[in-house]
PDB file of N, CA and C in Angstrom:
ATOM      1  N   MET A   1     -58.306 -94.010 -59.248  1.00  0.00           N
ATOM      2  CA  MET A   1     -59.377 -94.660 -58.455  1.00  0.00           C
ATOM      3  C   MET A   1     -60.721 -94.229 -58.763  1.00  0.00           C
ATOM      4  N   ARG A   2     -60.815 -92.996 -58.844  1.00  0.00           N
ATOM      5  CA  ARG A   2     -62.226 -92.297 -59.022  1.00  0.00           C
ATOM      6  C   ARG A   2     -62.619 -92.563 -60.696  1.00  0.00           C
ATOM      7  N   LYS A   3     -61.709 -92.457 -61.588  1.00  0.00           N
ATOM      8  CA  LYS A   3     -61.807 -92.496 -62.814  1.00  0.00           C
ATOM      9  C   LYS A   3     -62.469 -93.969 -63.066  1.00  0.00           C
ATOM     10  N   LEU A   4     -61.803 -95.157 -62.297  1.00  0.00           N
ATOM     11  CA  LEU A   4     -62.110 -96.532 -62.452  1.00  0.00           C
ATOM     12  C   LEU A   4     -63.552 -96.532 -61.964  1.00  0.00           C
ATOM     13  N   LEU A   5     -63.780 -96.104 -60.837  1.00  0.00           N
ATOM     14  CA  LEU A   5     -65.086 -96.029 -60.298  1.00  0.00           C
ATOM     15  C   LEU A   5     -66.403 -95.408 -61.268  1.00  0.00           C
ATOM     16  N   PHE A   6     -65.907 -94.385 -61.684  1.00  0.00           N
ATOM     17  CA  PHE A   6     -66.772 -93.868 -62.528  1.00  0.00           C
ATOM     18  C   PHE A   6     -67.054 -94.558 -63.798  1.00  0.00           C
ATOM     19  N   ALA A   7     -66.067 -95.055 -64.466  1.00  0.00           N
ATOM     20  CA  ALA A   7     -66.310 -96.052 -65.614  1.00  0.00           C
ATOM     21  C   ALA A   7     -67.082 -97.290 -65.278  1.00  0.00           C
ATOM     22  N   LEU A   8     -66.976 -97.768 -63.933  1.00  0.00           N
ATOM     23  CA  LEU A   8     -67.520 -99.052 -63.671  1.00  0.00           C
ATOM     24  C   LEU A   8     -69.100 -98.398 -63.617  1.00  0.00           C
ATOM     25  N   ILE A   9     -69.477 -97.636 -62.863  1.00  0.00           N
ATOM     26  CA  ILE A   9     -70.798 -97.105 -62.794  1.00  0.00           C
ATOM     27  C   ILE A   9     -71.372 -96.716 -64.115  1.00  0.00           C
ATOM     28  N   LEU A  10     -70.744 -96.048 -64.954  1.00  0.00           N
ATOM     29  CA  LEU A  10     -71.064 -95.738 -66.247  1.00  0.00           C
ATOM     30  C   LEU A  10     -71.452 -96.992 -67.002  1.00  0.00           C
ATOM     31  N   PHE A  11     -70.676 -97.856 -67.104  1.00  0.00           N
ATOM     32  CA  PHE A  11     -70.576 -99.075 -67.846  1.00  0.00           C
ATOM     33  C   PHE A  11     -72.093 -99.785 -67.250  1.00  0.00           C
ATOM     34  N   THR A  12     -72.106 -99.981 -66.062  1.00  0.00           N
ATOM     35  CA  THR A  12     -73.237-100.571 -65.596  1.00  0.00           C
ATOM     36  C   THR A  12     -74.662 -99.926 -65.793  1.00  0.00           C
ATOM     37  N   GLN A  13     -74.533 -98.800 -65.938  1.00  0.00           N
ATOM     38  CA  GLN A  13     -75.823 -97.895 -66.310  1.00  0.00           C
ATOM     39  C   GLN A  13     -76.198 -98.049 -67.783  1.00  0.00           C
ATOM     40  N   LEU A  14     -75.104 -98.231 -68.573  1.00  0.00           N
ATOM     41  CA  LEU A  14     -75.420 -98.420 -70.086  1.00  0.00           C
ATOM     42  C   LEU A  14     -75.768 -99.748 -70.315  1.00  0.00           C
ATOM     43  N   ALA A  15     -75.282-100.816 -69.556  1.00  0.00           N
ATOM     44  CA  ALA A  15     -75.186-102.078 -69.869  1.00  0.00           C
ATOM     45  C   ALA A  15     -76.450-102.832 -69.508  1.00  0.00           C
ATOM     46  N   THR A  16     -77.165-101.988 -68.336  1.00  0.00           N
ATOM     47  CA  THR A  16     -78.476-102.609 -67.877  1.00  0.00           C
ATOM     48  C   THR A  16     -79.549-102.020 -68.537  1.00  0.00           C
ATOM     49  N   PRO A  17     -80.354-103.134 -69.042  1.00  0.00           N
ATOM     50  CA  PRO A  17     -81.765-102.587 -69.520  1.00  0.00           C
ATOM     51  C   PRO A  17     -82.641-101.977 -68.574  1.00  0.00           C
ATOM     52  N   THR A  18     -83.177-100.633 -69.033  1.00  0.00           N
ATOM     53  CA  THR A  18     -84.160-100.021 -68.060  1.00  0.00           C
ATOM     54  C   THR A  18     -85.486-100.362 -68.665  1.00  0.00           C
ATOM     55  N   ALA A  19     -86.344 -99.753 -67.580  1.00  0.00           N
ATOM     56  CA  ALA A  19     -87.864 -99.951 -68.136  1.00  0.00           C
ATOM     57  C   ALA A  19     -88.276 -98.515 -68.748  1.00  0.00           C
ATOM     58  N   LYS A  20     -87.463 -97.596 -68.795  1.00  0.00           N
ATOM     59  CA  LYS A  20     -87.742 -96.440 -69.076  1.00  0.00           C
ATOM     60  C   LYS A  20     -87.545 -96.410 -70.661  1.00  0.00           C
ATOM     61  N   PRO A  21     -88.497 -95.757 -71.249  1.00  0.00           N
ATOM     62  CA  PRO A  21     -88.575 -95.683 -72.972  1.00  0.00           C
ATOM     63  C   PRO A  21     -87.237 -94.762 -73.298  1.00  0.00           C
ATOM     64  N   THR A  22     -86.663 -95.132 -74.462  1.00  0.00           N
ATOM     65  CA  THR A  22     -85.617 -94.149 -74.810  1.00  0.00           C
ATOM     66  C   THR A  22     -86.388 -92.855 -75.626  1.00  0.00           C
ATOM     67  N   LEU A  23     -85.308 -91.962 -75.989  1.00  0.00           N
ATOM     68  CA  LEU A  23     -85.858 -91.036 -76.656  1.00  0.00           C
ATOM     69  C   LEU A  23     -86.751 -91.223 -77.898  1.00  0.00           C
ATOM     70  N   GLY A  24     -87.920 -90.414 -78.056  1.00  0.00           N
ATOM     71  CA  GLY A  24     -88.843 -90.696 -79.195  1.00  0.00           C
ATOM     72  C   GLY A  24     -89.728 -91.766 -79.021  1.00  0.00           C
ATOM     73  N   GLN A  25     -89.696 -92.530 -77.991  1.00  0.00           N
ATOM     74  CA  GLN A  25     -90.629 -93.464 -77.852  1.00  0.00           C
ATOM     75  C   GLN A  25     -91.414 -93.384 -76.616  1.00  0.00           C
ATOM     76  N   ARG A  26     -92.743 -93.841 -76.733  1.00  0.00           N
ATOM     77  CA  ARG A  26     -93.503 -93.672 -75.488  1.00  0.00           C
ATOM     78  C   ARG A  26     -93.936 -94.939 -74.900  1.00  0.00           C
ATOM     79  N   PRO A  27     -94.143 -95.138 -73.751  1.00  0.00           N
ATOM     80  CA  PRO A  27     -94.363 -96.451 -73.141  1.00  0.00           C
ATOM     81  C   PRO A  27     -95.711 -96.708 -73.602  1.00  0.00           C
ATOM     82  N   VAL A  28     -95.930 -98.289 -73.768  1.00  0.00           N
ATOM     83  CA  VAL A  28     -97.292 -98.639 -74.346  1.00  0.00           C
ATOM     84  C   VAL A  28     -98.039 -98.668 -73.058  1.00  0.00           C
ATOM     85  N   PRO A  29     -99.167 -98.284 -73.021  1.00  0.00           N
ATOM     86  CA  PRO A  29    -100.239 -98.316 -71.871  1.00  0.00           C
ATOM     87  C   PRO A  29    -100.652 -99.833 -71.416  1.00  0.00           C
ATOM     88  N   PRO A  30    -100.931-100.085 -70.134  1.00  0.00           N
ATOM     89  CA  PRO A  30    -101.222-101.615 -69.929  1.00  0.00           C
ATOM     90  C   PRO A  30    -102.327-101.942 -70.420  1.00  0.00           C
ATOM     91  N   GLY A  31    -102.491-103.302 -71.189  1.00  0.00           N
ATOM     92  CA  GLY A  31    -103.611-103.894 -71.543  1.00  0.00           C
ATOM     93  C   GLY A  31    -103.650-103.658 -73.126  1.00  0.00           C
ATOM     94  N   VAL A  32    -102.916-102.722 -73.496  1.00  0.00           N
ATOM     95  CA  VAL A  32    -102.871-102.503 -75.251  1.00  0.00           C
ATOM     96  C   VAL A  32    -102.266-103.837 -75.905  1.00  0.00           C
ATOM     97  N   ARG A  33    -101.109-104.385 -75.531  1.00  0.00           N
ATOM     98  CA  ARG A  33    -100.668-105.574 -76.149  1.00  0.00           C
ATOM     99  C   ARG A  33    -101.802-106.724 -75.865  1.00  0.00           C
ATOM    100  N   ASP A  34    -102.421-106.959 -74.742  1.00  0.00           N
ATOM    101  CA  ASP A  34    -103.515-107.911 -74.647  1.00  0.00           C
ATOM    102  C   ASP A  34    -104.652-107.710 -75.568  1.00  0.00           C
ATOM    103  N   ALA A  35    -105.065-106.599 -75.892  1.00  0.00           N
ATOM    104  CA  ALA A  35    -106.299-106.135 -76.563  1.00  0.00           C
ATOM    105  C   ALA A  35    -105.628-106.511 -78.000  1.00  0.00           C
ATOM    106  N   ASP A  36    -104.551-106.043 -78.632  1.00  0.00           N
ATOM    107  CA  ASP A  36    -103.957-106.281 -79.853  1.00  0.00           C
ATOM    108  C   ASP A  36    -104.181-107.983 -80.005  1.00  0.00           C
ATOM    109  N   LYS A  37    -103.687-108.769 -79.105  1.00  0.00           N
ATOM    110  CA  LYS A  37    -103.610-110.274 -79.268  1.00  0.00           C
ATOM    111  C   LYS A  37    -105.085-110.773 -79.458  1.00  0.00           C
ATOM    112  N   GLN A  38    -105.814-110.129 -78.761  1.00  0.00           N
ATOM    113  CA  GLN A  38    -107.438-110.610 -78.800  1.00  0.00           C
ATOM    114  C   GLN A  38    -107.975-110.366 -80.348  1.00  0.00           C
ATOM    115  N   ILE A  39    -107.787-109.137 -80.698  1.00  0.00           N
ATOM    116  CA  ILE A  39    -108.180-108.699 -81.894  1.00  0.00           C
ATOM    117  C   ILE A  39    -107.475-109.527 -83.172  1.00  0.00           C
ATOM    118  N   ASN A  40    -106.378-109.615 -83.173  1.00  0.00           N
ATOM    119  CA  ASN A  40    -105.623-110.272 -84.207  1.00  0.00           C
ATOM    120  C   ASN A  40    -105.843-112.030 -83.982  1.00  0.00           C
ATOM    121  N   SER A  41    -106.155-112.478 -83.168  1.00  0.00           N
ATOM    122  CA  SER A  41    -106.371-113.779 -83.012  1.00  0.00           C
ATOM    123  C   SER A  41    -107.984-114.155 -83.097  1.00  0.00           C
ATOM    124  N   ALA A  42    -108.676-113.340 -83.357  1.00  0.00           N
ATOM    125  CA  ALA A  42    -110.203-113.768 -83.604  1.00  0.00           C
ATOM    126  C   ALA A  42    -110.390-114.420 -84.787  1.00  0.00           C
ATOM    127  N   PRO A  43    -110.370-115.988 -84.636  1.00  0.00           N
ATOM    128  CA  PRO A  43    -110.735-116.590 -85.882  1.00  0.00           C
ATOM    129  C   PRO A  43    -111.901-116.482 -86.592  1.00  0.00           C
ATOM    130  N   GLY A  44    -111.910-116.260 -87.919  1.00  0.00           N
ATOM    131  CA  GLY A  44    -112.920-116.330 -88.694  1.00  0.00           C
ATOM    132  C   GLY A  44    -114.057-115.128 -88.876  1.00  0.00           C
ATOM    133  N   GLU A  45    -113.743-114.126 -87.814  1.00  0.00           N
ATOM    134  CA  GLU A  45    -114.559-112.823 -87.885  1.00  0.00           C
ATOM    135  C   GLU A  45    -113.907-111.945 -88.800  1.00  0.00           C
ATOM    136  N   ALA A  46    -114.729-111.679 -89.991  1.00  0.00           N
ATOM    137  CA  ALA A  46    -114.488-110.438 -90.729  1.00  0.00           C
ATOM    138  C   ALA A  46    -114.716-109.102 -90.254  1.00  0.00           C
ATOM    139  N   PRO A  47    -114.017-108.261 -90.371  1.00  0.00           N
ATOM    140  CA  PRO A  47    -114.333-107.007 -89.875  1.00  0.00           C
ATOM    141  C   PRO A  47    -115.687-106.250 -90.500  1.00  0.00           C
ATOM    142  N   LEU A  48    -116.461-105.722 -89.739  1.00  0.00           N
ATOM    143  CA  LEU A  48    -117.569-105.030 -90.227  1.00  0.00           C
ATOM    144  C   LEU A  48    -117.233-104.094 -91.480  1.00  0.00           C
ATOM    145  N   PRO A  49    -117.972-104.178 -92.416  1.00  0.00           N
ATOM    146  CA  PRO A  49    -117.691-103.083 -93.774  1.00  0.00           C
ATOM    147  C   PRO A  49    -118.043-101.628 -93.143  1.00  0.00           C
ATOM    148  N   PRO A  50    -117.547-100.583 -93.619  1.00  0.00           N
ATOM    149  CA  PRO A  50    -117.796 -99.278 -93.290  1.00  0.00           C
ATOM    150  C   PRO A  50    -119.206 -99.124 -93.773  1.00  0.00           C
ATOM    151  N   LYS A  51    -119.914 -98.232 -93.047  1.00  0.00           N
ATOM    152  CA  LYS A  51    -121.336 -97.773 -93.171  1.00  0.00           C
ATOM    153  C   LYS A  51    -121.279 -96.938 -94.406  1.00  0.00           C
ATOM    154  N   PRO A  52    -122.058 -96.944 -95.558  1.00  0.00           N
ATOM    155  CA  PRO A  52    -122.065 -95.787 -96.437  1.00  0.00           C
ATOM    156  C   PRO A  52    -122.383 -94.635 -96.101  1.00  0.00           C
ATOM    157  N   LYS A  53    -121.661 -93.593 -96.349  1.00  0.00           N
ATOM    158  CA  LYS A  53    -122.044 -92.072 -95.901  1.00  0.00           C
ATOM    159  C   LYS A  53    -123.168 -91.522 -96.854  1.00  0.00           C
ATOM    160  N   ARG A  54    -124.135 -90.950 -96.296  1.00  0.00           N
ATOM    161  CA  ARG A  54    -125.238 -90.351 -96.872  1.00  0.00           C
ATOM    162  C   ARG A  54    -124.573 -89.210 -97.324  1.00  0.00           C
ATOM    163  N   VAL A  55    -125.116 -89.043 -98.715  1.00  0.00           N
ATOM    164  CA  VAL A  55    -124.778 -87.970 -99.447  1.00  0.00           C
ATOM    165  C   VAL A  55    -125.762 -86.930 -99.478  1.00  0.00           C
ATOM    166  N   ASN A  56    -125.443 -85.645 -99.264  1.00  0.00           N
ATOM    167  CA  ASN A  56    -126.605 -84.537 -99.169  1.00  0.00           C
ATOM    168  C   ASN A  56    -126.423 -83.869-100.620  1.00  0.00           C
ATOM    169  N   VAL A  57    -127.408 -84.530-101.492  1.00  0.00           N
ATOM    170  CA  VAL A  57    -127.548 -84.319-102.847  1.00  0.00           C
ATOM    171  C   VAL A  57    -127.898 -82.728-103.262  1.00  0.00           C
ATOM    172  N   LYS A  58    -128.773 -82.236-102.144  1.00  0.00           N
ATOM    173  CA  LYS A  58    -128.979 -80.714-102.576  1.00  0.00           C
ATOM    174  C   LYS A  58    -127.605 -79.734-102.335  1.00  0.00           C
ATOM    175  N   GLN A  59    -126.854 -80.096-101.246  1.00  0.00           N
ATOM    176  CA  GLN A  59    -125.658 -79.350-101.198  1.00  0.00           C
ATOM    177  C   GLN A  59    -124.627 -79.681-102.228  1.00  0.00           C
ATOM    178  N   LEU A  60    -124.404 -81.000-102.624  1.00  0.00           N
ATOM    179  CA  LEU A  60    -123.645 -81.126-103.763  1.00  0.00           C
ATOM    180  C   LEU A  60    -124.173 -80.555-105.114  1.00  0.00           C
ATOM    181  N   GLN A  61    -125.439 -80.477-105.306  1.00  0.00           N
ATOM    182  CA  GLN A  61    -125.863 -79.748-106.549  1.00  0.00           C
ATOM    183  C   GLN A  61    -125.576 -78.053-106.604  1.00  0.00           C
ATOM    184  N   GLU A  62    -125.861 -77.610-105.337  1.00  0.00           N
ATOM    185  CA  GLU A  62    -125.312 -76.036-105.061  1.00  0.00           C
ATOM    186  C   GLU A  62    -123.981 -75.865-105.478  1.00  0.00           C
ATOM    187  N   GLU A  63    -123.035 -76.769-104.660  1.00  0.00           N
ATOM    188  CA  GLU A  63    -121.628 -76.668-104.939  1.00  0.00           C
ATOM    189  C   GLU A  63    -121.073 -76.993-106.389  1.00  0.00           C
ATOM    190  N   ALA A  64    -121.843 -77.902-107.211  1.00  0.00           N
ATOM    191  CA  ALA A  64    -121.475 -78.086-108.580  1.00  0.00           C
ATOM    192  C   ALA A  64    -121.857 -76.959-109.412  1.00  0.00           C
ATOM    193  N   ALA A  65    -123.245 -76.174-108.931  1.00  0.00           N
ATOM    194  CA  ALA A  65    -123.307 -75.071-109.578  1.00  0.00           C
ATOM    195  C   ALA A  65    -122.416 -73.896-109.367  1.00  0.00           C
ATOM    196  N   GLU A  66    -122.089 -73.566-108.254  1.00  0.00           N
ATOM    197  CA  GLU A  66    -121.017 -72.856-107.918  1.00  0.00           C
ATOM    198  C   GLU A  66    -119.810 -73.100-108.480  1.00  0.00           C
ATOM    199  N   LEU A  67    -119.277 -74.292-108.592  1.00  0.00           N
ATOM    200  CA  LEU A  67    -117.923 -74.682-109.282  1.00  0.00           C
ATOM    201  C   LEU A  67    -118.057 -74.266-110.715  1.00  0.00           C
ATOM    202  N   SER A  68    -119.345 -74.528-111.354  1.00  0.00           N
ATOM    203  CA  SER A  68    -119.487 -74.301-112.752  1.00  0.00           C
ATOM    204  C   SER A  68    -119.575 -72.791-112.993  1.00  0.00           C
ATOM    205  N   HIS A  69    -120.175 -72.033-112.245  1.00  0.00           N
ATOM    206  CA  HIS A  69    -120.100 -70.621-112.189  1.00  0.00           C
ATOM    207  C   HIS A  69    -118.625 -69.913-112.173  1.00  0.00           C
ATOM    208  N   LEU A  70    -117.962 -70.518-111.219  1.00  0.00           N
ATOM    209  CA  LEU A  70    -116.666 -69.900-110.948  1.00  0.00           C
ATOM    210  C   LEU A  70    -115.743 -70.271-112.099  1.00  0.00           C
ATOM    211  N   SER A  71    -115.804 -71.819-112.711  1.00  0.00           N
ATOM    212  CA  SER A  71    -115.010 -72.203-113.678  1.00  0.00           C
ATOM    213  C   SER A  71    -115.178 -71.390-115.032  1.00  0.00           C
ATOM    214  N   ALA A  72    -116.246 -70.965-115.248  1.00  0.00           N
ATOM    215  CA  ALA A  72    -116.689 -70.427-116.590  1.00  0.00           C
ATOM    216  C   ALA A  72    -116.100 -69.040-116.741  1.00  0.00           C
ATOM    217  N   GLY A  73    -115.636 -68.584-115.529  1.00  0.00           N
ATOM    218  CA  GLY A  73    -114.907 -67.023-115.663  1.00  0.00           C
ATOM    219  C   GLY A  73    -113.520 -67.201-115.910  1.00  0.00           C
ATOM    220  N   ILE A  74    -112.897 -68.316-115.588  1.00  0.00           N
ATOM    221  CA  ILE A  74    -111.600 -68.469-115.724  1.00  0.00           C
ATOM    222  C   ILE A  74    -110.855 -68.020-116.997  1.00  0.00           C
ATOM    223  N   PRO A  75    -111.346 -68.622-118.257  1.00  0.00           N
ATOM    224  CA  PRO A  75    -110.901 -68.115-119.586  1.00  0.00           C
ATOM    225  C   PRO A  75    -110.796 -66.647-119.699  1.00  0.00           C
ATOM    226  N   GLU A  76    -111.803 -65.926-119.332  1.00  0.00           N
ATOM    227  CA  GLU A  76    -111.855 -64.609-119.338  1.00  0.00           C
ATOM    228  C   GLU A  76    -110.708 -63.939-118.473  1.00  0.00           C
ATOM    229  N   ARG A  77    -110.424 -64.299-117.376  1.00  0.00           N
ATOM    230  CA  ARG A  77    -109.438 -63.806-116.400  1.00  0.00           C
ATOM    231  C   ARG A  77    -108.048 -64.249-116.932  1.00  0.00           C
ATOM    232  N   ILE A  78    -107.829 -65.332-117.462  1.00  0.00           N
ATOM    233  CA  ILE A  78    -106.630 -65.968-118.274  1.00  0.00           C
ATOM    234  C   ILE A  78    -106.111 -64.888-119.365  1.00  0.00           C
ATOM    235  N   GLU A  79    -107.271 -64.278-119.957  1.00  0.00           N
ATOM    236  CA  GLU A  79    -106.899 -63.409-121.205  1.00  0.00           C
ATOM    237  C   GLU A  79    -106.384 -62.257-120.610  1.00  0.00           C
ATOM    238  N   TYR A  80    -106.621 -61.687-119.344  1.00  0.00           N
ATOM    239  CA  TYR A  80    -106.065 -60.652-118.728  1.00  0.00           C
ATOM    240  C   TYR A  80    -104.456 -60.777-118.351  1.00  0.00           C
ATOM    241  N   VAL A  81    -104.358 -62.215-117.905  1.00  0.00           N
ATOM    242  CA  VAL A  81    -103.064 -62.789-117.477  1.00  0.00           C
ATOM    243  C   VAL A  81    -102.230 -62.819-118.641  1.00  0.00           C
ATOM    244  N   SER A  82    -102.665 -62.981-119.858  1.00  0.00           N
ATOM    245  CA  SER A  82    -101.830 -63.048-121.111  1.00  0.00           C
ATOM    246  C   SER A  82    -101.467 -61.648-121.577  1.00  0.00           C
ATOM    247  N   LYS A  83    -102.234 -60.635-121.120  1.00  0.00           N
ATOM    248  CA  LYS A  83    -102.007 -59.225-121.375  1.00  0.00           C
ATOM    249  C   LYS A  83    -100.851 -58.658-120.429  1.00  0.00           C
ATOM    250  N   GLY A  84    -100.534 -59.249-119.378  1.00  0.00           N
ATOM    251  CA  GLY A  84     -99.773 -58.762-118.370  1.00  0.00           C
ATOM    252  C   GLY A  84    -100.555 -58.156-117.131  1.00  0.00           C
ATOM    253  N   GLN A  85    -101.827 -58.357-117.121  1.00  0.00           N
ATOM    254  CA  GLN A  85    -102.620 -57.799-115.986  1.00  0.00           C
ATOM    255  C   GLN A  85    -103.075 -58.925-115.234  1.00  0.00           C
ATOM    256  N   MET A  86    -102.915 -58.837-113.723  1.00  0.00           N
ATOM    257  CA  MET A  86    -103.340 -59.881-112.808  1.00  0.00           C
ATOM    258  C   MET A  86    -104.601 -59.577-112.087  1.00  0.00           C
ATOM    259  N   PRO A  87    -105.750 -60.141-112.334  1.00  0.00           N
ATOM    260  CA  PRO A  87    -106.923 -59.982-111.752  1.00  0.00           C
ATOM    261  C   PRO A  87    -106.939 -60.146-110.222  1.00  0.00           C
ATOM    262  N   LYS A  88    -107.500 -59.389-109.473  1.00  0.00           N
ATOM    263  CA  LYS A  88    -107.300 -59.442-107.911  1.00  0.00           C
ATOM    264  C   LYS A  88    -107.716 -60.753-107.373  1.00  0.00           C
ATOM    265  N   ASP A  89    -108.865 -61.099-107.939  1.00  0.00           N
ATOM    266  CA  ASP A  89    -109.597 -62.351-107.312  1.00  0.00           C
ATOM    267  C   ASP A  89    -109.313 -63.667-107.998  1.00  0.00           C
ATOM    268  N   LEU A  90    -108.381 -63.498-108.818  1.00  0.00           N
ATOM    269  CA  LEU A  90    -107.977 -64.917-109.652  1.00  0.00           C
ATOM    270  C   LEU A  90    -107.591 -65.969-108.546  1.00  0.00           C
ATOM    271  N   ASN A  91    -106.615 -65.599-107.841  1.00  0.00           N
ATOM    272  CA  ASN A  91    -105.908 -66.476-106.854  1.00  0.00           C
ATOM    273  C   ASN A  91    -107.176 -67.118-106.020  1.00  0.00           C
ATOM    274  N   ASP A  92    -107.921 -66.226-105.434  1.00  0.00           N
ATOM    275  CA  ASP A  92    -108.909 -66.720-104.509  1.00  0.00           C
ATOM    276  C   ASP A  92    -109.974 -67.566-105.283  1.00  0.00           C
ATOM    277  N   GLN A  93    -110.312 -67.156-106.381  1.00  0.00           N
ATOM    278  CA  GLN A  93    -111.161 -67.903-107.329  1.00  0.00           C
ATOM    279  C   GLN A  93    -110.729 -69.375-107.651  1.00  0.00           C
ATOM    280  N   LEU A  94    -109.408 -69.486-107.898  1.00  0.00           N
ATOM    281  CA  LEU A  94    -108.872 -70.894-108.173  1.00  0.00           C
ATOM    282  C   LEU A  94    -108.765 -71.606-106.899  1.00  0.00           C
ATOM    283  N   LYS A  95    -108.369 -71.038-105.874  1.00  0.00           N
ATOM    284  CA  LYS A  95    -108.426 -71.799-104.569  1.00  0.00           C
ATOM    285  C   LYS A  95    -109.906 -72.453-104.326  1.00  0.00           C
ATOM    286  N   ARG A  96    -110.894 -71.558-104.430  1.00  0.00           N
ATOM    287  CA  ARG A  96    -112.288 -71.918-104.119  1.00  0.00           C
ATOM    288  C   ARG A  96    -112.583 -72.980-105.044  1.00  0.00           C
ATOM    289  N   ILE A  97    -112.360 -72.945-106.159  1.00  0.00           N
ATOM    290  CA  ILE A  97    -112.611 -74.017-107.359  1.00  0.00           C
ATOM    291  C   ILE A  97    -111.895 -75.441-106.761  1.00  0.00           C
ATOM    292  N   GLU A  98    -110.692 -75.179-106.374  1.00  0.00           N
ATOM    293  CA  GLU A  98    -110.049 -76.339-105.915  1.00  0.00           C
ATOM    294  C   GLU A  98    -110.662 -76.952-104.624  1.00  0.00           C
ATOM    295  N   LYS A  99    -110.948 -76.128-103.678  1.00  0.00           N
ATOM    296  CA  LYS A  99    -111.637 -76.682-102.583  1.00  0.00           C
ATOM    297  C   LYS A  99    -113.029 -77.180-102.823  1.00  0.00           C
ATOM    298  N   LEU A 100    -113.925 -76.553-103.906  1.00  0.00           N
ATOM    299  CA  LEU A 100    -115.007 -77.227-104.054  1.00  0.00           C
ATOM    300  C   LEU A 100    -114.903 -78.522-104.662  1.00  0.00           C
ATOM    301  N   ALA A 101    -113.997 -78.514-105.735  1.00  0.00           N
ATOM    302  CA  ALA A 101    -113.652 -79.849-106.419  1.00  0.00           C
ATOM    303  C   ALA A 101    -113.227 -80.914-105.408  1.00  0.00           C
ATOM    304  N   LYS A 102    -112.440 -80.739-104.557  1.00  0.00           N
ATOM    305  CA  LYS A 102    -112.163 -81.846-103.450  1.00  0.00           C
ATOM    306  C   LYS A 102    -113.217 -82.247-102.550  1.00  0.00           C
ATOM    307  N   HIS A 103    -114.161 -81.231-102.183  1.00  0.00           N
ATOM    308  CA  HIS A 103    -115.165 -81.631-101.348  1.00  0.00           C
ATOM    309  C   HIS A 103    -116.068 -82.312-102.034  1.00  0.00           C
ATOM    310  N   ILE A 104    -116.528 -82.072-103.183  1.00  0.00           N
ATOM    311  CA  ILE A 104    -117.486 -82.921-104.117  1.00  0.00           C
ATOM    312  C   ILE A 104    -116.788 -84.299-104.264  1.00  0.00           C
ATOM    313  N   ARG A 105    -115.619 -84.383-104.670  1.00  0.00           N
ATOM    314  CA  ARG A 105    -114.895 -85.619-104.770  1.00  0.00           C
ATOM    315  C   ARG A 105    -114.894 -86.388-103.530  1.00  0.00           C
ATOM    316  N   GLY A 106    -114.527 -85.712-102.425  1.00  0.00           N
ATOM    317  CA  GLY A 106    -114.699 -86.363-101.081  1.00  0.00           C
ATOM    318  C   GLY A 106    -116.089 -87.080-100.707  1.00  0.00           C
ATOM    319  N   GLU A 107    -117.150 -86.495-100.948  1.00  0.00           N
ATOM    320  CA  GLU A 107    -118.420 -86.731-100.624  1.00  0.00           C
ATOM    321  C   GLU A 107    -118.852 -87.850-101.547  1.00  0.00           C
ATOM    322  N   ILE A 108    -118.496 -87.856-102.957  1.00  0.00           N
ATOM    323  CA  ILE A 108    -118.689 -89.009-103.734  1.00  0.00           C
ATOM    324  C   ILE A 108    -117.898 -90.249-103.610  1.00  0.00           C
ATOM    325  N   TYR A 109    -116.775 -90.032-103.499  1.00  0.00           N
ATOM    326  CA  TYR A 109    -115.582 -91.150-103.274  1.00  0.00           C
ATOM    327  C   TYR A 109    -114.950 -91.013-101.831  1.00  0.00           C
ATOM    328  N   PRO A 110    -115.589 -91.374-100.756  1.00  0.00           N
ATOM    329  CA  PRO A 110    -114.953 -91.236 -99.421  1.00  0.00           C
ATOM    330  C   PRO A 110    -113.755 -92.165 -99.296  1.00  0.00           C
TER     331      PRO A 110
END
């Protein structure tokens, strides 16, 4: 009798949809769905283009000069590596070159 009652309660709990989100899902805040409908249903309105980012030319020139200086020393350090010697600052220098190049690229092509 208890097993039957337990099975019945379990079945009704699993079969009944609940308002609680399942694992891994978050509830949608009130008003979000209405706002999505308003945004998506706006006829004829094109979204505003993003404003062009102002480029700090002086900073880019300084970073480009540093990048040039750092990259000029790489062939000499590679000679040490080919002889089996590892310069201490080679890894840091390569990381700095990569960081500068990424930053310059990101400023020019956002």
